[in-house]
């Protein structure tokens, strides 16, 4: 897998480091599905056409976003 994406930028964009792998896994699952839906087609080009790389790149570019981010904000612990 090539590093066609910047993981640090993805973390900044998403805001929850543990949500990123879940987002990538869910997006790869959608990309693997056969169908006629436009969501099952890659939205970016990568050098290796690896589905995981594509998912990371789509998140980095803002094509795939975290749903219900506000709910995650509610459970974020407050450190004193």
C-alpha atoms as a PDB file:
ATOM      1  CA  UNK A   1       0.000   0.000   0.000  1.00  0.00           C
ATOM      2  CA  UNK A   2       1.460   3.350  -0.986  1.00  0.00           C
ATOM      3  CA  UNK A   3       1.026   6.453   1.110  1.00  0.00           C
ATOM      4  CA  UNK A   4      -0.979   8.576  -1.319  1.00  0.00           C
ATOM      5  CA  UNK A   5      -2.550  10.325   1.676  1.00  0.00           C
ATOM      6  CA  UNK A   6      -1.518  12.245   4.792  1.00  0.00           C
ATOM      7  CA  UNK A   7      -2.762  10.426   7.889  1.00  0.00           C
ATOM      8  CA  UNK A   8      -2.133  13.427  10.160  1.00  0.00           C
ATOM      9  CA  UNK A   9      -4.363  15.592   7.981  1.00  0.00           C
ATOM     10  CA  UNK A  10      -7.077  12.949   8.091  1.00  0.00           C
ATOM     11  CA  UNK A  11      -6.924  12.859  11.895  1.00  0.00           C
ATOM     12  CA  UNK A  12      -7.227  16.671  11.994  1.00  0.00           C
ATOM     13  CA  UNK A  13     -10.151  16.603   9.581  1.00  0.00           C
ATOM     14  CA  UNK A  14     -12.071  13.812  11.336  1.00  0.00           C
ATOM     15  CA  UNK A  15     -11.163  14.811  14.882  1.00  0.00           C
ATOM     16  CA  UNK A  16     -11.434  11.302  16.322  1.00  0.00           C
ATOM     17  CA  UNK A  17      -8.468   9.011  15.689  1.00  0.00           C
ATOM     18  CA  UNK A  18     -10.397   5.872  16.544  1.00  0.00           C
ATOM     19  CA  UNK A  19     -13.170   6.745  14.106  1.00  0.00           C
ATOM     20  CA  UNK A  20     -10.795   6.811  11.124  1.00  0.00           C
ATOM     21  CA  UNK A  21     -10.247   3.015  10.863  1.00  0.00           C
ATOM     22  CA  UNK A  22     -13.982   2.437  11.166  1.00  0.00           C
ATOM     23  CA  UNK A  23     -14.652   4.993   8.423  1.00  0.00           C
ATOM     24  CA  UNK A  24     -12.059   3.343   6.178  1.00  0.00           C
ATOM     25  CA  UNK A  25     -13.459  -0.144   6.803  1.00  0.00           C
ATOM     26  CA  UNK A  26     -17.033   0.967   6.097  1.00  0.00           C
ATOM     27  CA  UNK A  27     -15.973   2.768   2.915  1.00  0.00           C
ATOM     28  CA  UNK A  28     -14.006  -0.257   1.671  1.00  0.00           C
ATOM     29  CA  UNK A  29     -17.074  -2.393   2.312  1.00  0.00           C
ATOM     30  CA  UNK A  30     -19.161  -0.051   0.149  1.00  0.00           C
ATOM     31  CA  UNK A  31     -16.497  -0.003  -2.579  1.00  0.00           C
ATOM     32  CA  UNK A  32     -16.483  -3.823  -2.664  1.00  0.00           C
ATOM     33  CA  UNK A  33     -20.246  -4.051  -3.156  1.00  0.00           C
ATOM     34  CA  UNK A  34     -21.478  -4.698  -6.649  1.00  0.00           C
ATOM     35  CA  UNK A  35     -24.252  -2.430  -7.718  1.00  0.00           C
ATOM     36  CA  UNK A  36     -25.317   0.496  -9.764  1.00  0.00           C
ATOM     37  CA  UNK A  37     -25.153   3.050  -6.972  1.00  0.00           C
ATOM     38  CA  UNK A  38     -22.671   5.878  -7.474  1.00  0.00           C
ATOM     39  CA  UNK A  39     -21.470   5.459  -3.875  1.00  0.00           C
ATOM     40  CA  UNK A  40     -19.883   2.128  -4.788  1.00  0.00           C
ATOM     41  CA  UNK A  41     -17.472   3.739  -7.262  1.00  0.00           C
ATOM     42  CA  UNK A  42     -14.132   5.249  -6.201  1.00  0.00           C
ATOM     43  CA  UNK A  43     -14.169   9.050  -6.037  1.00  0.00           C
ATOM     44  CA  UNK A  44     -10.388   9.468  -6.359  1.00  0.00           C
ATOM     45  CA  UNK A  45      -7.524   7.928  -8.319  1.00  0.00           C
ATOM     46  CA  UNK A  46      -4.528   6.389  -6.564  1.00  0.00           C
ATOM     47  CA  UNK A  47      -1.266   4.936  -7.836  1.00  0.00           C
ATOM     48  CA  UNK A  48      -2.037   1.397  -6.673  1.00  0.00           C
ATOM     49  CA  UNK A  49      -5.870   1.197  -6.869  1.00  0.00           C
ATOM     50  CA  UNK A  50      -5.925  -0.385  -3.406  1.00  0.00           C
ATOM     51  CA  UNK A  51      -9.380   0.018  -1.836  1.00  0.00           C
ATOM     52  CA  UNK A  52      -7.920   0.967   1.553  1.00  0.00           C
ATOM     53  CA  UNK A  53      -5.746   3.664  -0.030  1.00  0.00           C
ATOM     54  CA  UNK A  54      -8.748   4.924  -1.985  1.00  0.00           C
ATOM     55  CA  UNK A  55     -10.839   5.129   1.200  1.00  0.00           C
ATOM     56  CA  UNK A  56      -8.122   7.067   3.053  1.00  0.00           C
ATOM     57  CA  UNK A  57      -7.708   9.456   0.111  1.00  0.00           C
ATOM     58  CA  UNK A  58     -11.475  10.037  -0.139  1.00  0.00           C
ATOM     59  CA  UNK A  59     -11.598  10.925   3.557  1.00  0.00           C
ATOM     60  CA  UNK A  60      -8.591  13.221   3.199  1.00  0.00           C
ATOM     61  CA  UNK A  61     -10.175  15.032   0.238  1.00  0.00           C
ATOM     62  CA  UNK A  62     -13.473  15.432   2.105  1.00  0.00           C
ATOM     63  CA  UNK A  63     -15.533  13.188  -0.167  1.00  0.00           C
ATOM     64  CA  UNK A  64     -16.305  10.855   2.744  1.00  0.00           C
ATOM     65  CA  UNK A  65     -17.272  12.426   6.058  1.00  0.00           C
ATOM     66  CA  UNK A  66     -18.097  11.224   9.529  1.00  0.00           C
ATOM     67  CA  UNK A  67     -21.817  10.935  10.210  1.00  0.00           C
ATOM     68  CA  UNK A  68     -23.171  12.101  13.555  1.00  0.00           C
ATOM     69  CA  UNK A  69     -19.962  13.832  14.589  1.00  0.00           C
ATOM     70  CA  UNK A  70     -21.999  15.797  17.121  1.00  0.00           C
ATOM     71  CA  UNK A  71     -22.875  12.583  18.971  1.00  0.00           C
ATOM     72  CA  UNK A  72     -19.198  11.728  19.288  1.00  0.00           C
ATOM     73  CA  UNK A  73     -18.550  15.227  20.635  1.00  0.00           C
ATOM     74  CA  UNK A  74     -21.085  14.568  23.399  1.00  0.00           C
ATOM     75  CA  UNK A  75     -19.233  11.514  24.683  1.00  0.00           C
ATOM     76  CA  UNK A  76     -15.748  12.982  24.369  1.00  0.00           C
ATOM     77  CA  UNK A  77     -14.206  12.949  27.871  1.00  0.00           C
ATOM     78  CA  UNK A  78     -13.294  16.227  29.462  1.00  0.00           C
ATOM     79  CA  UNK A  79      -9.770  16.131  30.866  1.00  0.00           C
ATOM     80  CA  UNK A  80      -9.015  18.401  33.790  1.00  0.00           C
END
